[in-house]
N, C-alpha and C. Protein backbone atom coordinates (compact mmCIF):
# COMPACT_ATOMS: atom_id res chain seq x y z
N UNK A 1 -30.80 35.15 1.66
CA UNK A 1 -30.37 35.30 0.30
C UNK A 1 -28.85 35.15 0.24
N UNK A 2 -28.40 34.44 -0.76
CA UNK A 2 -26.97 34.25 -0.97
C UNK A 2 -26.63 34.84 -2.34
N UNK A 3 -25.77 35.84 -2.36
CA UNK A 3 -25.35 36.49 -3.59
C UNK A 3 -24.08 35.82 -4.09
N UNK A 4 -24.06 35.47 -5.38
CA UNK A 4 -22.88 34.80 -5.95
C UNK A 4 -22.42 35.55 -7.20
N UNK A 5 -21.11 35.56 -7.41
CA UNK A 5 -20.54 36.18 -8.59
C UNK A 5 -19.08 35.74 -8.72
N UNK A 6 -18.53 35.94 -9.91
CA UNK A 6 -17.11 35.67 -10.14
C UNK A 6 -16.32 36.94 -9.92
N UNK A 7 -15.09 36.81 -9.42
CA UNK A 7 -14.15 37.91 -9.31
C UNK A 7 -12.82 37.45 -9.89
N UNK A 8 -12.02 38.41 -10.32
CA UNK A 8 -10.76 38.11 -10.98
C UNK A 8 -9.64 38.88 -10.28
N UNK A 9 -8.48 38.22 -10.16
CA UNK A 9 -7.36 38.82 -9.46
C UNK A 9 -6.11 38.78 -10.32
N UNK A 10 -5.34 39.85 -10.23
CA UNK A 10 -4.10 39.97 -11.00
C UNK A 10 -2.98 39.21 -10.29
N UNK A 11 -1.83 39.19 -10.94
CA UNK A 11 -0.66 38.54 -10.34
C UNK A 11 -0.23 39.24 -9.05
N UNK A 12 -0.59 40.51 -8.92
CA UNK A 12 -0.24 41.26 -7.72
C UNK A 12 -1.26 41.04 -6.59
N UNK A 13 -2.31 40.26 -6.86
CA UNK A 13 -3.32 40.00 -5.85
C UNK A 13 -4.40 41.06 -5.78
N UNK A 14 -4.41 41.98 -6.75
CA UNK A 14 -5.42 43.02 -6.80
C UNK A 14 -6.61 42.54 -7.60
N UNK A 15 -7.81 42.94 -7.17
CA UNK A 15 -9.01 42.60 -7.93
C UNK A 15 -9.02 43.41 -9.21
N UNK A 16 -9.30 42.75 -10.33
CA UNK A 16 -9.35 43.41 -11.63
C UNK A 16 -10.71 43.17 -12.26
N UNK A 17 -11.07 44.01 -13.23
CA UNK A 17 -12.40 43.94 -13.82
C UNK A 17 -12.58 42.85 -14.86
N UNK A 18 -11.52 42.45 -15.53
CA UNK A 18 -11.64 41.45 -16.59
C UNK A 18 -11.11 40.11 -16.16
N UNK A 19 -10.98 39.23 -17.12
CA UNK A 19 -10.46 37.90 -16.79
C UNK A 19 -9.02 38.00 -16.30
N UNK A 20 -8.69 37.18 -15.36
CA UNK A 20 -7.41 37.26 -14.68
C UNK A 20 -6.36 36.37 -15.31
N UNK A 21 -5.11 36.81 -15.20
CA UNK A 21 -4.01 35.95 -15.62
C UNK A 21 -3.58 35.05 -14.48
N UNK A 22 -4.03 35.34 -13.26
CA UNK A 22 -3.60 34.54 -12.12
C UNK A 22 -4.72 33.65 -11.59
N UNK A 23 -5.83 34.25 -11.17
CA UNK A 23 -6.85 33.44 -10.51
C UNK A 23 -8.25 34.01 -10.74
N UNK A 24 -9.18 33.08 -10.88
CA UNK A 24 -10.61 33.40 -10.95
C UNK A 24 -11.25 32.77 -9.73
N UNK A 25 -12.11 33.53 -9.05
CA UNK A 25 -12.70 33.09 -7.80
C UNK A 25 -14.21 33.21 -7.87
N UNK A 26 -14.91 32.18 -7.38
CA UNK A 26 -16.35 32.25 -7.19
C UNK A 26 -16.56 32.73 -5.76
N UNK A 27 -17.18 33.90 -5.62
CA UNK A 27 -17.43 34.46 -4.29
C UNK A 27 -18.91 34.47 -4.01
N UNK A 28 -19.25 34.41 -2.74
CA UNK A 28 -20.64 34.52 -2.33
C UNK A 28 -20.69 35.11 -0.94
N UNK A 29 -21.82 35.72 -0.64
CA UNK A 29 -22.07 36.24 0.70
C UNK A 29 -23.52 35.95 1.07
N UNK A 30 -23.72 35.46 2.28
CA UNK A 30 -25.07 35.25 2.80
C UNK A 30 -25.51 36.58 3.40
N UNK A 31 -26.54 37.18 2.86
CA UNK A 31 -26.94 38.52 3.31
C UNK A 31 -27.54 38.53 4.70
N UNK A 32 -28.01 37.39 5.19
CA UNK A 32 -28.58 37.37 6.55
C UNK A 32 -27.51 37.16 7.62
N UNK A 33 -26.49 36.36 7.32
CA UNK A 33 -25.45 36.08 8.33
C UNK A 33 -24.14 36.81 8.04
N UNK A 34 -24.01 37.35 6.82
CA UNK A 34 -22.78 37.99 6.33
C UNK A 34 -21.60 37.02 6.24
N UNK A 35 -21.87 35.72 6.30
CA UNK A 35 -20.79 34.75 6.12
C UNK A 35 -20.38 34.73 4.65
N UNK A 36 -19.12 34.44 4.42
CA UNK A 36 -18.58 34.49 3.07
C UNK A 36 -18.04 33.13 2.65
N UNK A 37 -17.98 32.93 1.33
CA UNK A 37 -17.44 31.71 0.74
C UNK A 37 -16.66 32.14 -0.49
N UNK A 38 -15.49 31.60 -0.67
CA UNK A 38 -14.71 31.85 -1.88
C UNK A 38 -14.06 30.55 -2.31
N UNK A 39 -14.08 30.31 -3.59
CA UNK A 39 -13.49 29.09 -4.12
C UNK A 39 -12.82 29.41 -5.45
N UNK A 40 -11.54 29.07 -5.56
CA UNK A 40 -10.85 29.26 -6.82
C UNK A 40 -11.43 28.31 -7.85
N UNK A 41 -11.68 28.82 -9.06
CA UNK A 41 -12.23 28.01 -10.14
C UNK A 41 -11.30 28.07 -11.34
N UNK A 42 -11.45 27.09 -12.23
CA UNK A 42 -10.58 27.03 -13.40
C UNK A 42 -10.83 28.17 -14.36
N UNK A 43 -12.10 28.53 -14.52
CA UNK A 43 -12.46 29.57 -15.48
C UNK A 43 -13.80 30.15 -15.07
N UNK A 44 -14.14 31.30 -15.64
CA UNK A 44 -15.43 31.92 -15.34
C UNK A 44 -16.56 31.02 -15.76
N UNK A 45 -16.38 30.27 -16.78
CA UNK A 45 -17.45 29.35 -17.13
C UNK A 45 -17.30 28.77 -18.51
N UNK A 46 -17.75 27.57 -18.62
CA UNK A 46 -17.92 26.88 -19.89
C UNK A 46 -19.32 26.32 -19.80
N UNK A 47 -20.20 26.71 -20.65
CA UNK A 47 -21.61 26.41 -20.50
C UNK A 47 -21.92 24.92 -20.60
N UNK A 48 -21.07 24.15 -21.24
CA UNK A 48 -21.30 22.71 -21.37
C UNK A 48 -20.63 21.91 -20.26
N UNK A 49 -19.69 22.52 -19.56
CA UNK A 49 -18.95 21.81 -18.52
C UNK A 49 -18.78 22.72 -17.32
N UNK A 50 -19.15 22.26 -16.17
CA UNK A 50 -18.93 23.00 -14.94
C UNK A 50 -18.06 22.17 -14.01
N UNK A 51 -17.22 22.83 -13.28
CA UNK A 51 -16.32 22.15 -12.36
C UNK A 51 -17.14 21.48 -11.26
N UNK A 52 -17.25 20.16 -11.32
CA UNK A 52 -18.07 19.40 -10.36
C UNK A 52 -17.59 19.58 -8.93
N UNK A 53 -16.30 19.73 -8.74
CA UNK A 53 -15.76 19.93 -7.39
C UNK A 53 -16.31 21.24 -6.81
N UNK A 54 -16.32 22.31 -7.60
CA UNK A 54 -16.83 23.59 -7.13
C UNK A 54 -18.30 23.50 -6.77
N UNK A 55 -19.09 22.83 -7.61
CA UNK A 55 -20.52 22.65 -7.34
C UNK A 55 -20.70 21.86 -6.05
N UNK A 56 -19.93 20.79 -5.88
CA UNK A 56 -20.03 19.96 -4.68
C UNK A 56 -19.69 20.75 -3.42
N UNK A 57 -18.60 21.50 -3.43
CA UNK A 57 -18.18 22.29 -2.27
C UNK A 57 -19.23 23.34 -1.93
N UNK A 58 -19.75 24.01 -2.95
CA UNK A 58 -20.76 25.04 -2.73
C UNK A 58 -22.04 24.43 -2.15
N UNK A 59 -22.46 23.28 -2.67
CA UNK A 59 -23.65 22.60 -2.16
C UNK A 59 -23.45 22.18 -0.70
N UNK A 60 -22.27 21.70 -0.38
CA UNK A 60 -21.99 21.32 1.01
C UNK A 60 -22.08 22.53 1.92
N UNK A 61 -21.57 23.67 1.45
CA UNK A 61 -21.67 24.89 2.25
C UNK A 61 -23.13 25.25 2.49
N UNK A 62 -23.95 25.22 1.45
CA UNK A 62 -25.36 25.58 1.59
C UNK A 62 -26.07 24.64 2.56
N UNK A 63 -25.71 23.37 2.55
CA UNK A 63 -26.31 22.43 3.48
C UNK A 63 -25.88 22.71 4.92
N UNK A 64 -24.64 23.17 5.10
CA UNK A 64 -24.13 23.45 6.45
C UNK A 64 -24.75 24.69 7.08
N UNK A 65 -25.25 25.64 6.29
CA UNK A 65 -25.82 26.85 6.90
C UNK A 65 -27.25 26.61 7.38
N UNK A 66 -27.82 25.46 7.04
CA UNK A 66 -29.10 25.00 7.59
C UNK A 66 -30.29 25.93 7.35
N UNK A 67 -30.28 26.69 6.27
CA UNK A 67 -31.48 27.44 5.91
C UNK A 67 -32.45 26.47 5.23
N UNK A 68 -33.73 26.52 5.56
CA UNK A 68 -34.68 25.59 4.93
C UNK A 68 -34.77 25.80 3.42
N UNK A 69 -34.60 27.04 2.98
CA UNK A 69 -34.60 27.36 1.55
C UNK A 69 -33.66 28.53 1.34
N UNK A 70 -32.84 28.46 0.30
CA UNK A 70 -31.87 29.51 0.01
C UNK A 70 -32.22 30.13 -1.34
N UNK A 71 -32.22 31.47 -1.37
CA UNK A 71 -32.39 32.20 -2.62
C UNK A 71 -30.99 32.56 -3.12
N UNK A 72 -30.61 32.06 -4.31
CA UNK A 72 -29.34 32.43 -4.92
C UNK A 72 -29.59 33.62 -5.84
N UNK A 73 -28.91 34.73 -5.58
CA UNK A 73 -29.03 35.93 -6.40
C UNK A 73 -27.76 36.09 -7.21
N UNK A 74 -27.92 36.36 -8.50
CA UNK A 74 -26.77 36.47 -9.39
C UNK A 74 -27.12 37.38 -10.54
N UNK A 75 -26.09 37.97 -11.19
CA UNK A 75 -26.39 38.72 -12.40
C UNK A 75 -26.67 37.72 -13.51
N UNK A 76 -27.31 38.15 -14.53
CA UNK A 76 -27.86 37.22 -15.51
C UNK A 76 -26.87 36.85 -16.63
N UNK A 77 -25.59 36.74 -16.29
CA UNK A 77 -24.60 36.25 -17.25
C UNK A 77 -24.68 34.74 -17.32
N UNK A 78 -24.45 34.18 -18.49
CA UNK A 78 -24.60 32.74 -18.68
C UNK A 78 -23.74 31.89 -17.75
N UNK A 79 -22.46 32.22 -17.52
CA UNK A 79 -21.64 31.34 -16.67
C UNK A 79 -22.16 31.21 -15.23
N UNK A 80 -22.52 32.33 -14.60
CA UNK A 80 -22.96 32.25 -13.21
C UNK A 80 -24.37 31.68 -13.13
N UNK A 81 -25.19 31.96 -14.14
CA UNK A 81 -26.54 31.40 -14.19
C UNK A 81 -26.46 29.87 -14.33
N UNK A 82 -25.56 29.39 -15.19
CA UNK A 82 -25.39 27.94 -15.36
C UNK A 82 -24.93 27.30 -14.06
N UNK A 83 -24.04 27.98 -13.34
CA UNK A 83 -23.58 27.45 -12.05
C UNK A 83 -24.75 27.37 -11.07
N UNK A 84 -25.53 28.44 -10.97
CA UNK A 84 -26.67 28.45 -10.04
C UNK A 84 -27.68 27.36 -10.39
N UNK A 85 -27.93 27.16 -11.67
CA UNK A 85 -28.86 26.12 -12.11
C UNK A 85 -28.34 24.73 -11.75
N UNK A 86 -27.03 24.53 -11.85
CA UNK A 86 -26.43 23.24 -11.49
C UNK A 86 -26.59 22.98 -9.98
N UNK A 87 -26.40 24.02 -9.18
CA UNK A 87 -26.58 23.89 -7.73
C UNK A 87 -28.04 23.56 -7.42
N UNK A 88 -28.96 24.25 -8.07
CA UNK A 88 -30.38 23.99 -7.84
C UNK A 88 -30.76 22.57 -8.25
N UNK A 89 -30.23 22.10 -9.37
CA UNK A 89 -30.56 20.74 -9.81
C UNK A 89 -30.00 19.70 -8.85
N UNK A 90 -28.87 19.99 -8.23
CA UNK A 90 -28.25 19.07 -7.27
C UNK A 90 -29.03 19.02 -5.97
N UNK A 91 -29.46 20.18 -5.44
CA UNK A 91 -30.11 20.23 -4.13
C UNK A 91 -31.63 20.23 -4.20
N UNK A 92 -32.19 20.58 -5.35
CA UNK A 92 -33.64 20.60 -5.52
C UNK A 92 -34.21 22.01 -5.45
N UNK A 93 -35.27 22.23 -6.21
CA UNK A 93 -35.88 23.57 -6.26
C UNK A 93 -36.63 23.90 -4.98
N UNK A 94 -36.90 22.91 -4.14
CA UNK A 94 -37.53 23.20 -2.85
C UNK A 94 -36.51 23.77 -1.86
N UNK A 95 -35.21 23.52 -2.08
CA UNK A 95 -34.15 24.02 -1.20
C UNK A 95 -33.44 25.24 -1.76
N UNK A 96 -33.41 25.37 -3.11
CA UNK A 96 -32.67 26.45 -3.75
C UNK A 96 -33.56 27.15 -4.77
N UNK A 97 -33.80 28.44 -4.55
CA UNK A 97 -34.54 29.28 -5.48
C UNK A 97 -33.54 30.16 -6.22
N UNK A 98 -33.83 30.50 -7.46
CA UNK A 98 -32.91 31.31 -8.26
C UNK A 98 -33.51 32.68 -8.54
N UNK A 99 -32.65 33.69 -8.48
CA UNK A 99 -33.08 35.06 -8.79
C UNK A 99 -31.98 35.76 -9.58
N UNK A 100 -32.17 35.79 -10.89
CA UNK A 100 -31.24 36.51 -11.75
C UNK A 100 -31.67 37.95 -11.88
N UNK A 101 -30.70 38.84 -11.96
CA UNK A 101 -30.98 40.25 -12.17
C UNK A 101 -30.40 40.66 -13.51
N UNK A 102 -31.03 41.59 -14.21
CA UNK A 102 -30.51 42.01 -15.51
C UNK A 102 -29.08 42.53 -15.38
N UNK A 103 -28.26 42.14 -16.32
CA UNK A 103 -26.86 42.55 -16.32
C UNK A 103 -26.76 44.07 -16.37
N UNK A 104 -25.90 44.63 -15.55
CA UNK A 104 -25.62 46.06 -15.43
C UNK A 104 -26.78 46.88 -14.89
N UNK A 105 -27.82 46.23 -14.34
CA UNK A 105 -28.90 46.99 -13.74
C UNK A 105 -28.49 47.42 -12.33
N UNK A 106 -29.26 48.33 -11.74
CA UNK A 106 -28.92 48.79 -10.40
C UNK A 106 -29.10 47.69 -9.36
N UNK A 107 -29.85 46.64 -9.69
CA UNK A 107 -30.04 45.53 -8.76
C UNK A 107 -29.09 44.37 -9.01
N UNK A 108 -28.24 44.50 -10.02
CA UNK A 108 -27.32 43.39 -10.32
C UNK A 108 -26.15 43.44 -9.35
N UNK A 109 -25.30 42.45 -9.48
CA UNK A 109 -24.16 42.35 -8.57
C UNK A 109 -22.92 43.00 -9.14
N UNK A 110 -23.09 43.97 -10.02
CA UNK A 110 -21.95 44.65 -10.59
C UNK A 110 -21.13 45.40 -9.56
N UNK A 111 -21.69 45.58 -8.38
CA UNK A 111 -20.95 46.24 -7.32
C UNK A 111 -20.09 45.20 -6.60
N UNK A 112 -19.07 45.66 -5.97
CA UNK A 112 -18.19 44.78 -5.20
C UNK A 112 -18.86 44.44 -3.88
N UNK A 113 -19.07 43.17 -3.58
CA UNK A 113 -19.79 42.78 -2.37
C UNK A 113 -18.85 42.30 -1.28
N UNK A 114 -17.53 42.37 -1.50
CA UNK A 114 -16.60 41.87 -0.49
C UNK A 114 -15.70 42.94 0.01
């Protein structure tokens, strides 16, 4: 399982809860290997447009870990869900399964995973 979520950082480099004035990062962790991936993104999300470079880099990472099938787990916010769906459409539903969790539930990614 690979958990994905957005994180935001202040000008001081501290993680903050809301949108950042400095940087927004797409983070993920593979729960079986504990390997991590982070990629700076332009914004948390625009539902009609996704950063193709970020999707490409993330897909390349998933291909390099050589799992026959990857479960992407994410909270059910539209921006991260749209990103996960774009990754699945690029690699195929036989390689990428999606698992959204209700926002703010005990199973969501509202906790800090890094």
